[in-house]
C-alpha atoms as a PDB file:
ATOM      1  CA  MET A   1      79.363  26.327 -37.719  1.00  0.00           C
ATOM      2  CA  ALA A   2      81.144  22.592 -39.583  1.00  0.00           C
ATOM      3  CA  ALA A   3      81.993  22.450 -42.185  1.00  0.00           C
ATOM      4  CA  ARG A   4      80.454  20.098 -44.903  1.00  0.00           C
ATOM      5  CA  CYS A   5      82.150  16.686 -46.240  1.00  0.00           C
ATOM      6  CA  SER A   6      84.116  16.880 -49.539  1.00  0.00           C
ATOM      7  CA  ALA A   7      82.410  13.755 -51.044  1.00  0.00           C
ATOM      8  CA  SER A   8      79.656  13.548 -52.406  1.00  0.00           C
ATOM      9  CA  LYS A   9      76.676  10.942 -52.768  1.00  0.00           C
ATOM     10  CA  ARG A  10      75.420   8.028 -54.276  1.00  0.00           C
ATOM     11  CA  ASN A  11      73.185  10.934 -57.023  1.00  0.00           C
ATOM     12  CA  GLY A  12      76.233  13.387 -57.657  1.00  0.00           C
ATOM     13  CA  GLU A  13      75.137  16.045 -54.626  1.00  0.00           C
ATOM     14  CA  PRO A  14      76.921  17.258 -52.352  1.00  0.00           C
ATOM     15  CA  CYS A  15      77.064  15.422 -48.655  1.00  0.00           C
ATOM     16  CA  THR A  16      75.793  17.269 -46.710  1.00  0.00           C
ATOM     17  CA  LEU A  17      76.986  16.021 -43.074  1.00  0.00           C
ATOM     18  CA  PRO A  18      79.672  18.095 -41.041  1.00  0.00           C
ATOM     19  CA  ALA A  19      83.447  16.615 -41.350  1.00  0.00           C
ATOM     20  CA  LYS A  20      85.171  15.717 -39.044  1.00  0.00           C
ATOM     21  CA  GLY A  21      89.017  15.927 -37.869  1.00  0.00           C
ATOM     22  CA  THR A  22      91.447  17.512 -40.840  1.00  0.00           C
ATOM     23  CA  ASP A  23      90.752  15.055 -43.476  1.00  0.00           C
ATOM     24  CA  GLY A  24      87.305  17.387 -44.605  1.00  0.00           C
ATOM     25  CA  TYR A  25      85.235  13.958 -44.945  1.00  0.00           C
ATOM     26  CA  CYS A  26      82.545  13.133 -42.455  1.00  0.00           C
ATOM     27  CA  TRP A  27      82.133   9.772 -41.054  1.00  0.00           C
ATOM     28  CA  ALA A  28      80.409   8.436 -43.518  1.00  0.00           C
ATOM     29  CA  HIS A  29      82.985   8.814 -46.418  1.00  0.00           C
ATOM     30  CA  ASN A  30      86.595   8.920 -44.368  1.00  0.00           C
ATOM     31  CA  PRO A  31      88.459   6.120 -46.021  1.00  0.00           C
ATOM     32  CA  GLN A  32      90.085   5.529 -42.363  1.00  0.00           C
ATOM     33  CA  ASN A  33      86.212   4.119 -41.143  1.00  0.00           C
ATOM     34  CA  ALA A  34      85.658   2.121 -44.799  1.00  0.00           C
ATOM     35  CA  GLU A  35      86.478  -1.772 -43.224  1.00  0.00           C
ATOM     36  CA  LYS A  36      84.311  -0.724 -40.070  1.00  0.00           C
ATOM     37  CA  ARG A  37      81.590   1.329 -42.896  1.00  0.00           C
ATOM     38  CA  GLN A  38      81.920  -2.294 -44.326  1.00  0.00           C
ATOM     39  CA  ARG A  39      81.825  -5.033 -41.265  1.00  0.00           C
ATOM     40  CA  MET A  40      78.766  -2.923 -39.817  1.00  0.00           C
ATOM     41  CA  ALA A  41      77.335  -3.064 -43.772  1.00  0.00           C
ATOM     42  CA  SER A  42      77.981  -6.884 -43.755  1.00  0.00           C
ATOM     43  CA  LYS A  43      76.120  -7.609 -40.027  1.00  0.00           C
ATOM     44  CA  ALA A  44      73.277  -5.705 -40.823  1.00  0.00           C
ATOM     45  CA  GLY A  45      72.806  -6.980 -44.394  1.00  0.00           C
ATOM     46  CA  ARG A  46      72.977 -10.782 -42.742  1.00  0.00           C
ATOM     47  CA  SER A  47      70.931 -10.128 -40.198  1.00  0.00           C
ATOM     48  CA  LYS A  48      67.313  -8.200 -40.395  1.00  0.00           C
ATOM     49  CA  PRO A  49      66.927  -9.719 -43.429  1.00  0.00           C
ATOM     50  CA  ASN A  50      66.926 -13.462 -42.566  1.00  0.00           C
ATOM     51  CA  ARG A  51      64.755 -12.717 -40.162  1.00  0.00           C
ATOM     52  CA  GLU A  52      62.495 -11.460 -41.653  1.00  0.00           C
ATOM     53  CA  VAL A  53      62.121 -13.866 -44.274  1.00  0.00           C
ATOM     54  CA  ALA A  54      61.805 -16.159 -41.766  1.00  0.00           C
ATOM     55  CA  ASP A  55      59.048 -14.246 -40.922  1.00  0.00           C
ATOM     56  CA  LEU A  56      57.299 -13.921 -43.910  1.00  0.00           C
ATOM     57  CA  LYS A  57      57.895 -17.730 -44.370  1.00  0.00           C
ATOM     58  CA  ARG A  58      55.615 -18.869 -41.437  1.00  0.00           C
ATOM     59  CA  GLN A  59      52.919 -16.900 -42.165  1.00  0.00           C
ATOM     60  CA  LEU A  60      52.343 -17.818 -45.848  1.00  0.00           C
ATOM     61  CA  GLU A  61      52.652 -21.247 -43.805  1.00  0.00           C
ATOM     62  CA  ASP A  62      49.935 -20.865 -40.994  1.00  0.00           C
ATOM     63  CA  LEU A  63      47.918 -19.098 -44.101  1.00  0.00           C
ATOM     64  CA  ALA A  64      47.922 -22.066 -45.723  1.00  0.00           C
ATOM     65  CA  GLU A  65      47.422 -24.278 -43.249  1.00  0.00           C
ATOM     66  CA  GLY A  66      44.176 -21.453 -42.226  1.00  0.00           C
ATOM     67  CA  VAL A  67      43.296 -21.802 -45.719  1.00  0.00           C
ATOM     68  CA  LEU A  68      43.433 -25.810 -46.315  1.00  0.00           C
ATOM     69  CA  GLU A  69      41.584 -26.469 -42.669  1.00  0.00           C
ATOM     70  CA  GLY A  70      39.212 -23.925 -43.488  1.00  0.00           C
ATOM     71  CA  ARG A  71      39.785 -21.024 -41.103  1.00  0.00           C
ATOM     72  CA  VAL A  72      40.653 -18.655 -43.242  1.00  0.00           C
ATOM     73  CA  ASP A  73      38.280 -18.173 -45.936  1.00  0.00           C
ATOM     74  CA  ARG A  74      40.234 -18.557 -48.633  1.00  0.00           C
ATOM     75  CA  GLY A  75      39.184 -14.500 -50.098  1.00  0.00           C
ATOM     76  CA  ASP A  76      40.908 -13.050 -47.530  1.00  0.00           C
ATOM     77  CA  ALA A  77      43.827 -15.454 -47.547  1.00  0.00           C
ATOM     78  CA  ALA A  78      44.533 -13.797 -50.829  1.00  0.00           C
ATOM     79  CA  VAL A  79      44.594 -10.089 -50.317  1.00  0.00           C
ATOM     80  CA  VAL A  80      47.167 -12.154 -46.969  1.00  0.00           C
ATOM     81  CA  ASN A  81      49.329 -12.939 -49.431  1.00  0.00           C
ATOM     82  CA  GLN A  82      49.299 -10.032 -51.132  1.00  0.00           C
ATOM     83  CA  ILE A  83      50.681  -8.092 -48.669  1.00  0.00           C
ATOM     84  CA  LEU A  84      52.611 -10.630 -47.320  1.00  0.00           C
ATOM     85  CA  ASN A  85      53.826 -10.498 -50.944  1.00  0.00           C
ATOM     86  CA  THR A  86      54.462  -6.917 -51.263  1.00  0.00           C
ATOM     87  CA  ARG A  87      56.312  -7.614 -47.703  1.00  0.00           C
ATOM     88  CA  SER A  88      59.009  -9.828 -49.614  1.00  0.00           C
ATOM     89  CA  ARG A  89      59.754  -6.754 -52.646  1.00  0.00           C
ATOM     90  CA  LEU A  90      60.515  -3.774 -49.325  1.00  0.00           C
ATOM     91  CA  ILE A  91      62.570  -6.335 -48.242  1.00  0.00           C
ATOM     92  CA  GLU A  92      64.296  -7.329 -51.402  1.00  0.00           C
ATOM     93  CA  LEU A  93      63.900  -3.283 -52.203  1.00  0.00           C
ATOM     94  CA  GLU A  94      65.969  -2.961 -48.718  1.00  0.00           C
ATOM     95  CA  ARG A  95      68.676  -5.378 -49.400  1.00  0.00           C
ATOM     96  CA  LYS A  96      69.211  -3.785 -52.763  1.00  0.00           C
ATOM     97  CA  ILE A  97      69.948  -0.854 -51.777  1.00  0.00           C
ATOM     98  CA  LYS A  98      71.727  -1.570 -48.299  1.00  0.00           C
ATOM     99  CA  GLU A  99      74.367  -3.468 -51.578  1.00  0.00           C
ATOM    100  CA  SER A 100      74.167  -0.776 -52.723  1.00  0.00           C
ATOM    101  CA  GLU A 101      75.118   2.185 -49.995  1.00  0.00           C
ATOM    102  CA  GLU A 102      77.693  -0.422 -49.154  1.00  0.00           C
ATOM    103  CA  PHE A 103      79.097  -0.686 -53.001  1.00  0.00           C
ATOM    104  CA  GLU A 104      79.218   3.368 -53.059  1.00  0.00           C
ATOM    105  CA  ALA A 105      80.979   2.934 -49.960  1.00  0.00           C
ATOM    106  CA  ARG A 106      84.291   0.777 -51.204  1.00  0.00           C
ATOM    107  CA  LEU A 107      83.987   2.995 -54.349  1.00  0.00           C
ATOM    108  CA  ALA A 108      84.168   6.072 -52.584  1.00  0.00           C
ATOM    109  CA  GLU A 109      87.179   4.529 -50.567  1.00  0.00           C
ATOM    110  CA  LEU A 110      89.130   3.512 -54.044  1.00  0.00           C
ATOM    111  CA  GLU A 111      88.327   6.637 -55.166  1.00  0.00           C
ATOM    112  CA  ALA A 112      89.738   8.523 -51.861  1.00  0.00           C
ATOM    113  CA  ARG A 113      92.891   5.952 -52.237  1.00  0.00           C
ATOM    114  CA  SER A 114      93.535   6.691 -55.909  1.00  0.00           C
ATOM    115  CA  THR A 115      93.214  10.471 -54.973  1.00  0.00           C
ATOM    116  CA  ASN A 116      96.180   9.681 -52.074  1.00  0.00           C
ATOM    117  CA  TYR A 117      98.103   8.256 -54.846  1.00  0.00           C
ATOM    118  CA  ARG A 118      97.910  11.090 -57.125  1.00  0.00           C
ATOM    119  CA  ALA A 119      98.553  13.454 -54.556  1.00  0.00           C
ATOM    120  CA  ARG A 120     101.841  12.299 -54.160  1.00  0.00           C
END
């Protein structure tokens, strides 16, 4: 059985991922992967939400146009608007989670560097 990662998760619980190599960390907590994790998180943060926000804007524009032209019932439009609003809140929550995970990874890297520095 593979050894478990020696790092802790954001909530303070021990990481349950298998450790890779001799450093005792999983890929996500290994300080050597910090730069790559940051690049990946940055790319992920820039890509998907922007498409989703653009899609939400288009749907709201179509909905408003439909109501103004009389093609969409106002009651139906109100319900659809509530659903779209819920989606936008979920997109924001997802963004905050990604931002928090990126911050956690950066903090873990700094803590590992600090531990390595003190061990010298």
